[in-house]
Amino acid sequence: MSEDVRTSYRHFLTIPTRWMDNDVYGHVNNVVYYSYFDTVINKYLIDEGVLDYEAGSTIGLAIETHCAFHKSIQFPQVIDAGLRVGKLGNSSVRYEIGLFLAGDQEPAATGYFVHVFVDRHSRRPTPIAGRLREVLSGLLTPSQ
């Protein structure tokens, strides 16, 4: 991923950690990070009006994910989830996410999701077009 500092992300969502996010070691369990990633991506798409998860003709399916852990996160800390697009292809997008603790410029975790957009019924790839492409293009980092 490109430079991983707070200013390199284009959109942020504040996510409170929950008591149940912690594991027996006293920090947020590794699988929970992926739910934070999913939350910032899908909330953004819903808020922008480009994701109709109940009836939309096009849906994004995850085909690749990754998470790197840099610093521990624990309940009751609050996370700023940063979102940007690292690559926008014909039918796929690579969302890049940074999870930041309050006041930190360096992320506690970084990761990505690659989604391929497909027809809801046939599951065949479909081009990213129109308003969806416009919204995703707005998340591209300047070097893209």
N, C-alpha and C. Protein backbone atom coordinates (compact mmCIF):
# COMPACT_ATOMS: atom_id res chain seq x y z
N MET A 1 0.85 -1.17 0.00
CA MET A 1 0.00 0.00 0.00
C MET A 1 0.89 1.23 0.00
N SER A 2 0.35 2.33 -0.51
CA SER A 2 1.12 3.55 -0.54
C SER A 2 1.30 4.06 0.88
N GLU A 3 1.77 5.27 1.03
CA GLU A 3 2.08 5.83 2.34
C GLU A 3 0.92 5.66 3.32
N ASP A 4 1.23 5.11 4.48
CA ASP A 4 0.19 4.81 5.47
C ASP A 4 0.23 5.79 6.64
N VAL A 5 -0.22 7.01 6.38
CA VAL A 5 -0.40 8.01 7.43
C VAL A 5 -1.82 8.54 7.30
N ARG A 6 -2.30 9.13 8.36
CA ARG A 6 -3.69 9.60 8.41
C ARG A 6 -4.05 10.45 7.19
N THR A 7 -3.18 11.35 6.79
CA THR A 7 -3.50 12.28 5.70
C THR A 7 -3.58 11.60 4.33
N SER A 8 -3.17 10.35 4.23
CA SER A 8 -3.22 9.67 2.93
C SER A 8 -4.57 8.99 2.67
N TYR A 9 -5.50 9.10 3.62
CA TYR A 9 -6.83 8.51 3.45
C TYR A 9 -7.84 9.60 3.12
N ARG A 10 -8.84 9.25 2.31
CA ARG A 10 -9.78 10.24 1.76
C ARG A 10 -11.08 10.37 2.54
N HIS A 11 -11.44 9.37 3.34
CA HIS A 11 -12.71 9.37 4.08
C HIS A 11 -12.48 8.69 5.41
N PHE A 12 -13.18 9.17 6.45
CA PHE A 12 -13.05 8.57 7.78
C PHE A 12 -14.41 8.27 8.40
N LEU A 13 -14.44 7.20 9.16
CA LEU A 13 -15.61 6.83 9.94
C LEU A 13 -15.13 6.49 11.35
N THR A 14 -15.74 7.10 12.35
CA THR A 14 -15.41 6.80 13.74
C THR A 14 -16.18 5.55 14.17
N ILE A 15 -15.44 4.58 14.71
CA ILE A 15 -16.04 3.31 15.14
C ILE A 15 -15.63 3.05 16.59
N PRO A 16 -16.60 2.97 17.52
CA PRO A 16 -16.24 2.63 18.90
C PRO A 16 -15.97 1.13 19.01
N THR A 17 -14.96 0.77 19.77
CA THR A 17 -14.77 -0.65 20.05
C THR A 17 -15.83 -1.07 21.07
N ARG A 18 -16.10 -2.36 21.12
CA ARG A 18 -17.10 -2.91 22.04
C ARG A 18 -16.42 -3.87 23.00
N TRP A 19 -17.00 -4.05 24.14
CA TRP A 19 -16.48 -5.00 25.14
C TRP A 19 -16.23 -6.36 24.51
N MET A 20 -17.18 -6.81 23.69
CA MET A 20 -17.08 -8.14 23.09
C MET A 20 -16.00 -8.24 22.01
N ASP A 21 -15.43 -7.10 21.57
CA ASP A 21 -14.36 -7.13 20.56
C ASP A 21 -13.06 -7.66 21.14
N ASN A 22 -12.85 -7.49 22.46
CA ASN A 22 -11.62 -7.94 23.10
C ASN A 22 -11.60 -9.46 23.23
N ASP A 23 -10.40 -10.01 23.17
CA ASP A 23 -10.25 -11.45 23.39
C ASP A 23 -9.61 -11.68 24.76
N VAL A 24 -9.24 -12.90 25.05
CA VAL A 24 -8.70 -13.23 26.37
C VAL A 24 -7.35 -12.58 26.63
N TYR A 25 -6.70 -12.05 25.60
CA TYR A 25 -5.41 -11.39 25.75
C TYR A 25 -5.55 -9.89 26.02
N GLY A 26 -6.80 -9.40 26.09
CA GLY A 26 -7.05 -8.02 26.45
C GLY A 26 -6.96 -7.02 25.31
N HIS A 27 -6.94 -7.51 24.08
CA HIS A 27 -6.95 -6.61 22.93
C HIS A 27 -8.00 -7.07 21.93
N VAL A 28 -8.30 -6.20 20.97
CA VAL A 28 -9.29 -6.55 19.95
C VAL A 28 -8.80 -7.78 19.19
N ASN A 29 -9.67 -8.76 19.07
CA ASN A 29 -9.33 -10.00 18.37
C ASN A 29 -9.10 -9.74 16.89
N ASN A 30 -8.19 -10.48 16.29
CA ASN A 30 -7.80 -10.24 14.90
C ASN A 30 -8.97 -10.29 13.92
N VAL A 31 -9.94 -11.16 14.12
CA VAL A 31 -11.04 -11.25 13.15
C VAL A 31 -11.94 -10.02 13.17
N VAL A 32 -11.95 -9.28 14.27
CA VAL A 32 -12.80 -8.10 14.39
C VAL A 32 -12.31 -6.98 13.48
N TYR A 33 -11.02 -6.93 13.21
CA TYR A 33 -10.48 -5.90 12.32
C TYR A 33 -11.17 -5.94 10.96
N TYR A 34 -11.44 -7.14 10.48
CA TYR A 34 -12.12 -7.27 9.18
C TYR A 34 -13.54 -6.71 9.23
N SER A 35 -14.21 -6.80 10.39
CA SER A 35 -15.54 -6.21 10.49
C SER A 35 -15.45 -4.69 10.47
N TYR A 36 -14.39 -4.12 11.04
CA TYR A 36 -14.18 -2.67 10.96
C TYR A 36 -13.96 -2.27 9.50
N PHE A 37 -13.15 -3.05 8.77
CA PHE A 37 -12.90 -2.76 7.35
C PHE A 37 -14.22 -2.78 6.57
N ASP A 38 -14.98 -3.84 6.77
CA ASP A 38 -16.27 -4.01 6.09
C ASP A 38 -17.22 -2.86 6.41
N THR A 39 -17.21 -2.42 7.67
CA THR A 39 -18.10 -1.35 8.11
C THR A 39 -17.79 -0.03 7.42
N VAL A 40 -16.52 0.37 7.38
CA VAL A 40 -16.19 1.66 6.76
C VAL A 40 -16.48 1.64 5.26
N ILE A 41 -16.21 0.53 4.59
CA ILE A 41 -16.47 0.42 3.15
C ILE A 41 -17.97 0.49 2.87
N ASN A 42 -18.73 -0.39 3.49
CA ASN A 42 -20.15 -0.49 3.16
C ASN A 42 -20.96 0.71 3.64
N LYS A 43 -20.61 1.29 4.78
CA LYS A 43 -21.32 2.50 5.23
C LYS A 43 -21.09 3.63 4.24
N TYR A 44 -19.86 3.76 3.75
CA TYR A 44 -19.57 4.81 2.77
C TYR A 44 -20.40 4.60 1.50
N LEU A 45 -20.41 3.38 0.98
CA LEU A 45 -21.16 3.11 -0.26
C LEU A 45 -22.66 3.32 -0.07
N ILE A 46 -23.20 2.93 1.07
CA ILE A 46 -24.62 3.14 1.35
C ILE A 46 -24.91 4.64 1.46
N ASP A 47 -24.08 5.36 2.22
CA ASP A 47 -24.29 6.80 2.39
C ASP A 47 -24.22 7.55 1.06
N GLU A 48 -23.40 7.06 0.14
CA GLU A 48 -23.25 7.70 -1.18
C GLU A 48 -24.35 7.25 -2.15
N GLY A 49 -25.19 6.31 -1.72
CA GLY A 49 -26.31 5.87 -2.55
C GLY A 49 -25.94 4.93 -3.68
N VAL A 50 -24.80 4.23 -3.54
CA VAL A 50 -24.37 3.34 -4.63
C VAL A 50 -24.38 1.86 -4.22
N LEU A 51 -24.86 1.57 -3.02
CA LEU A 51 -24.98 0.17 -2.60
C LEU A 51 -26.40 -0.08 -2.12
N ASP A 52 -27.11 -0.89 -2.86
CA ASP A 52 -28.44 -1.37 -2.45
C ASP A 52 -28.27 -2.87 -2.21
N TYR A 53 -27.90 -3.22 -0.98
CA TYR A 53 -27.58 -4.62 -0.68
C TYR A 53 -28.79 -5.54 -0.70
N GLU A 54 -29.99 -4.99 -0.71
CA GLU A 54 -31.18 -5.84 -0.74
C GLU A 54 -31.69 -6.11 -2.14
N ALA A 55 -31.60 -5.12 -3.04
CA ALA A 55 -32.23 -5.29 -4.35
C ALA A 55 -31.39 -4.80 -5.52
N GLY A 56 -30.20 -4.29 -5.27
CA GLY A 56 -29.37 -3.78 -6.37
C GLY A 56 -29.02 -4.85 -7.38
N SER A 57 -28.92 -4.48 -8.64
CA SER A 57 -28.60 -5.45 -9.69
C SER A 57 -27.12 -5.83 -9.68
N THR A 58 -26.28 -4.96 -9.11
CA THR A 58 -24.84 -5.21 -9.05
C THR A 58 -24.42 -5.28 -7.59
N ILE A 59 -23.58 -6.26 -7.26
CA ILE A 59 -23.05 -6.39 -5.90
C ILE A 59 -21.55 -6.59 -5.97
N GLY A 60 -20.85 -6.21 -4.89
CA GLY A 60 -19.41 -6.41 -4.81
C GLY A 60 -19.10 -7.62 -3.96
N LEU A 61 -18.32 -8.54 -4.51
CA LEU A 61 -17.92 -9.74 -3.77
C LEU A 61 -16.43 -9.65 -3.43
N ALA A 62 -16.08 -9.95 -2.19
CA ALA A 62 -14.69 -9.93 -1.77
C ALA A 62 -13.96 -11.12 -2.36
N ILE A 63 -12.84 -10.85 -3.03
CA ILE A 63 -12.03 -11.93 -3.59
C ILE A 63 -10.64 -12.00 -2.95
N GLU A 64 -10.27 -10.94 -2.21
CA GLU A 64 -8.96 -10.94 -1.55
C GLU A 64 -9.01 -9.97 -0.38
N THR A 65 -8.41 -10.37 0.74
CA THR A 65 -8.33 -9.49 1.91
C THR A 65 -6.95 -9.62 2.53
N HIS A 66 -6.59 -8.60 3.30
CA HIS A 66 -5.30 -8.60 4.01
C HIS A 66 -5.40 -7.65 5.19
N CYS A 67 -4.72 -7.99 6.28
CA CYS A 67 -4.62 -7.10 7.43
C CYS A 67 -3.23 -7.22 8.04
N ALA A 68 -2.61 -6.07 8.32
CA ALA A 68 -1.33 -6.02 9.02
C ALA A 68 -1.54 -5.27 10.33
N PHE A 69 -1.06 -5.83 11.42
CA PHE A 69 -1.25 -5.27 12.75
C PHE A 69 0.02 -4.54 13.17
N HIS A 70 -0.11 -3.27 13.56
CA HIS A 70 1.05 -2.45 13.91
C HIS A 70 1.06 -2.07 15.39
N LYS A 71 -0.12 -1.96 15.99
CA LYS A 71 -0.25 -1.54 17.38
C LYS A 71 -1.55 -2.13 17.93
N SER A 72 -1.54 -2.48 19.19
CA SER A 72 -2.71 -3.09 19.82
C SER A 72 -3.85 -2.07 19.96
N ILE A 73 -5.08 -2.55 19.76
CA ILE A 73 -6.29 -1.77 20.02
C ILE A 73 -7.07 -2.53 21.09
N GLN A 74 -7.61 -1.79 22.08
CA GLN A 74 -8.38 -2.41 23.16
C GLN A 74 -9.65 -1.62 23.42
N PHE A 75 -10.69 -2.33 23.90
CA PHE A 75 -11.87 -1.66 24.42
C PHE A 75 -11.45 -0.88 25.64
N PRO A 76 -11.87 0.35 25.84
CA PRO A 76 -12.92 1.11 25.17
C PRO A 76 -12.40 2.14 24.17
N GLN A 77 -11.27 1.88 23.53
CA GLN A 77 -10.73 2.85 22.58
C GLN A 77 -11.68 3.06 21.40
N VAL A 78 -11.56 4.23 20.80
CA VAL A 78 -12.35 4.59 19.62
C VAL A 78 -11.41 4.65 18.43
N ILE A 79 -11.86 4.13 17.30
CA ILE A 79 -11.04 4.03 16.09
C ILE A 79 -11.56 5.02 15.05
N ASP A 80 -10.63 5.65 14.36
CA ASP A 80 -10.96 6.38 13.13
C ASP A 80 -10.54 5.47 11.99
N ALA A 81 -11.51 4.96 11.24
CA ALA A 81 -11.22 4.07 10.11
C ALA A 81 -11.08 4.93 8.86
N GLY A 82 -9.88 4.96 8.30
CA GLY A 82 -9.61 5.71 7.08
C GLY A 82 -9.82 4.83 5.87
N LEU A 83 -10.37 5.41 4.81
CA LEU A 83 -10.67 4.66 3.59
C LEU A 83 -10.14 5.40 2.37
N ARG A 84 -9.57 4.65 1.45
CA ARG A 84 -9.14 5.18 0.16
C ARG A 84 -9.23 4.05 -0.86
N VAL A 85 -9.13 4.39 -2.13
CA VAL A 85 -9.08 3.39 -3.19
C VAL A 85 -7.66 3.36 -3.73
N GLY A 86 -7.04 2.18 -3.68
CA GLY A 86 -5.69 2.02 -4.18
C GLY A 86 -5.64 1.70 -5.66
N LYS A 87 -6.69 1.02 -6.15
CA LYS A 87 -6.75 0.67 -7.57
C LYS A 87 -8.20 0.52 -7.97
N LEU A 88 -8.53 1.12 -9.11
CA LEU A 88 -9.88 1.02 -9.65
C LEU A 88 -9.78 0.46 -11.06
N GLY A 89 -10.25 -0.77 -11.22
CA GLY A 89 -10.19 -1.44 -12.52
C GLY A 89 -11.51 -1.39 -13.25
N ASN A 90 -11.66 -2.24 -14.24
CA ASN A 90 -12.89 -2.30 -15.03
C ASN A 90 -14.06 -2.83 -14.20
N SER A 91 -13.83 -3.94 -13.48
CA SER A 91 -14.90 -4.52 -12.67
C SER A 91 -14.47 -4.76 -11.22
N SER A 92 -13.27 -4.33 -10.86
CA SER A 92 -12.79 -4.55 -9.49
C SER A 92 -12.24 -3.27 -8.89
N VAL A 93 -12.21 -3.27 -7.56
CA VAL A 93 -11.68 -2.14 -6.81
C VAL A 93 -10.90 -2.68 -5.61
N ARG A 94 -9.80 -2.02 -5.31
CA ARG A 94 -9.03 -2.35 -4.11
C ARG A 94 -9.22 -1.22 -3.12
N TYR A 95 -9.99 -1.50 -2.05
CA TYR A 95 -10.17 -0.55 -0.96
C TYR A 95 -9.01 -0.72 0.00
N GLU A 96 -8.42 0.37 0.43
CA GLU A 96 -7.35 0.33 1.42
C GLU A 96 -7.84 1.04 2.68
N ILE A 97 -7.58 0.41 3.82
CA ILE A 97 -8.10 0.89 5.09
C ILE A 97 -6.97 1.05 6.09
N GLY A 98 -7.03 2.13 6.85
CA GLY A 98 -6.13 2.34 7.98
C GLY A 98 -6.96 2.56 9.23
N LEU A 99 -6.63 1.87 10.30
CA LEU A 99 -7.33 2.06 11.58
C LEU A 99 -6.44 2.87 12.50
N PHE A 100 -6.94 4.05 12.90
CA PHE A 100 -6.16 4.99 13.70
C PHE A 100 -6.80 5.19 15.06
N LEU A 101 -5.96 5.22 16.09
CA LEU A 101 -6.44 5.61 17.42
C LEU A 101 -6.46 7.13 17.50
N ALA A 102 -7.28 7.67 18.39
CA ALA A 102 -7.44 9.13 18.51
C ALA A 102 -6.09 9.82 18.62
N GLY A 103 -5.88 10.81 17.77
CA GLY A 103 -4.67 11.62 17.80
C GLY A 103 -3.46 11.02 17.11
N ASP A 104 -3.51 9.74 16.77
CA ASP A 104 -2.36 9.09 16.12
C ASP A 104 -2.34 9.39 14.63
N GLN A 105 -1.16 9.64 14.12
CA GLN A 105 -0.98 9.84 12.68
C GLN A 105 -0.58 8.54 11.99
N GLU A 106 -0.03 7.61 12.75
CA GLU A 106 0.36 6.30 12.23
C GLU A 106 -0.76 5.30 12.55
N PRO A 107 -1.07 4.40 11.64
CA PRO A 107 -2.18 3.46 11.88
C PRO A 107 -1.82 2.35 12.85
N ALA A 108 -2.83 1.91 13.59
CA ALA A 108 -2.69 0.73 14.44
C ALA A 108 -2.77 -0.54 13.60
N ALA A 109 -3.48 -0.45 12.47
CA ALA A 109 -3.59 -1.57 11.54
C ALA A 109 -3.87 -1.02 10.15
N THR A 110 -3.42 -1.76 9.15
CA THR A 110 -3.71 -1.42 7.76
C THR A 110 -4.17 -2.68 7.05
N GLY A 111 -4.96 -2.49 6.02
CA GLY A 111 -5.42 -3.65 5.27
C GLY A 111 -6.10 -3.25 4.00
N TYR A 112 -6.58 -4.27 3.30
CA TYR A 112 -7.31 -4.00 2.07
C TYR A 112 -8.33 -5.10 1.81
N PHE A 113 -9.32 -4.74 1.03
CA PHE A 113 -10.32 -5.65 0.48
C PHE A 113 -10.31 -5.42 -1.02
N VAL A 114 -10.32 -6.48 -1.81
CA VAL A 114 -10.55 -6.37 -3.25
C VAL A 114 -11.95 -6.90 -3.50
N HIS A 115 -12.78 -6.07 -4.10
CA HIS A 115 -14.13 -6.47 -4.48
C HIS A 115 -14.22 -6.53 -5.99
N VAL A 116 -14.87 -7.57 -6.50
CA VAL A 116 -15.24 -7.64 -7.91
C VAL A 116 -16.74 -7.41 -7.97
N PHE A 117 -17.15 -6.49 -8.82
CA PHE A 117 -18.58 -6.21 -8.98
C PHE A 117 -19.15 -7.18 -10.00
N VAL A 118 -20.26 -7.80 -9.59
CA VAL A 118 -20.89 -8.84 -10.40
C VAL A 118 -22.39 -8.58 -10.48
N ASP A 119 -23.00 -9.18 -11.49
CA ASP A 119 -24.45 -9.19 -11.59
C ASP A 119 -24.99 -10.05 -10.45
N ARG A 120 -25.97 -9.53 -9.73
CA ARG A 120 -26.52 -10.23 -8.56
C ARG A 120 -26.96 -11.65 -8.88
N HIS A 121 -27.56 -11.88 -10.04
CA HIS A 121 -28.14 -13.18 -10.36
C HIS A 121 -27.17 -14.12 -11.07
N SER A 122 -26.44 -13.63 -12.06
CA SER A 122 -25.54 -14.51 -12.81
C SER A 122 -24.18 -14.68 -12.14
N ARG A 123 -23.83 -13.74 -11.25
CA ARG A 123 -22.52 -13.70 -10.58
C ARG A 123 -21.37 -13.51 -11.58
N ARG A 124 -21.65 -12.97 -12.73
CA ARG A 124 -20.63 -12.67 -13.74
C ARG A 124 -20.15 -11.24 -13.53
N PRO A 125 -18.84 -10.98 -13.69
CA PRO A 125 -18.32 -9.62 -13.53
C PRO A 125 -19.04 -8.63 -14.42
N THR A 126 -19.21 -7.43 -13.86
CA THR A 126 -19.87 -6.36 -14.59
C THR A 126 -19.04 -5.08 -14.44
N PRO A 127 -18.94 -4.27 -15.47
CA PRO A 127 -18.13 -3.05 -15.38
C PRO A 127 -18.63 -2.10 -14.29
N ILE A 128 -17.68 -1.45 -13.64
CA ILE A 128 -18.00 -0.38 -12.69
C ILE A 128 -18.26 0.87 -13.52
N ALA A 129 -19.48 1.38 -13.46
CA ALA A 129 -19.84 2.50 -14.33
C ALA A 129 -20.65 3.54 -13.55
N GLY A 130 -20.93 4.64 -14.22
CA GLY A 130 -21.84 5.66 -13.71
C GLY A 130 -21.46 6.21 -12.36
N ARG A 131 -22.47 6.37 -11.53
CA ARG A 131 -22.30 6.98 -10.20
C ARG A 131 -21.34 6.17 -9.33
N LEU A 132 -21.38 4.84 -9.41
CA LEU A 132 -20.46 4.02 -8.62
C LEU A 132 -19.02 4.34 -8.98
N ARG A 133 -18.69 4.42 -10.25
CA ARG A 133 -17.32 4.76 -10.67
C ARG A 133 -16.95 6.15 -10.18
N GLU A 134 -17.88 7.07 -10.26
CA GLU A 134 -17.64 8.44 -9.80
C GLU A 134 -17.31 8.46 -8.30
N VAL A 135 -18.10 7.75 -7.51
CA VAL A 135 -17.90 7.70 -6.06
C VAL A 135 -16.55 7.05 -5.73
N LEU A 136 -16.24 5.93 -6.38
CA LEU A 136 -14.97 5.25 -6.11
C LEU A 136 -13.78 6.08 -6.57
N SER A 137 -13.92 6.77 -7.68
CA SER A 137 -12.85 7.64 -8.18
C SER A 137 -12.52 8.73 -7.18
N GLY A 138 -13.53 9.19 -6.45
CA GLY A 138 -13.33 10.22 -5.44
C GLY A 138 -12.48 9.76 -4.27
N LEU A 139 -12.29 8.46 -4.13
CA LEU A 139 -11.47 7.90 -3.05
C LEU A 139 -10.05 7.57 -3.50
N LEU A 140 -9.78 7.72 -4.80
CA LEU A 140 -8.43 7.44 -5.29
C LEU A 140 -7.44 8.42 -4.67
N THR A 141 -6.28 7.92 -4.33
CA THR A 141 -5.24 8.79 -3.80
C THR A 141 -4.62 9.55 -4.97
N PRO A 142 -4.06 10.74 -4.72
CA PRO A 142 -3.53 11.56 -5.82
C PRO A 142 -2.53 10.85 -6.73
N SER A 143 -1.80 9.86 -6.21
CA SER A 143 -0.81 9.15 -7.04
C SER A 143 -1.44 8.11 -7.94
N GLN A 144 -2.77 7.90 -7.83
CA GLN A 144 -3.43 6.85 -8.62
C GLN A 144 -3.82 7.36 -9.97
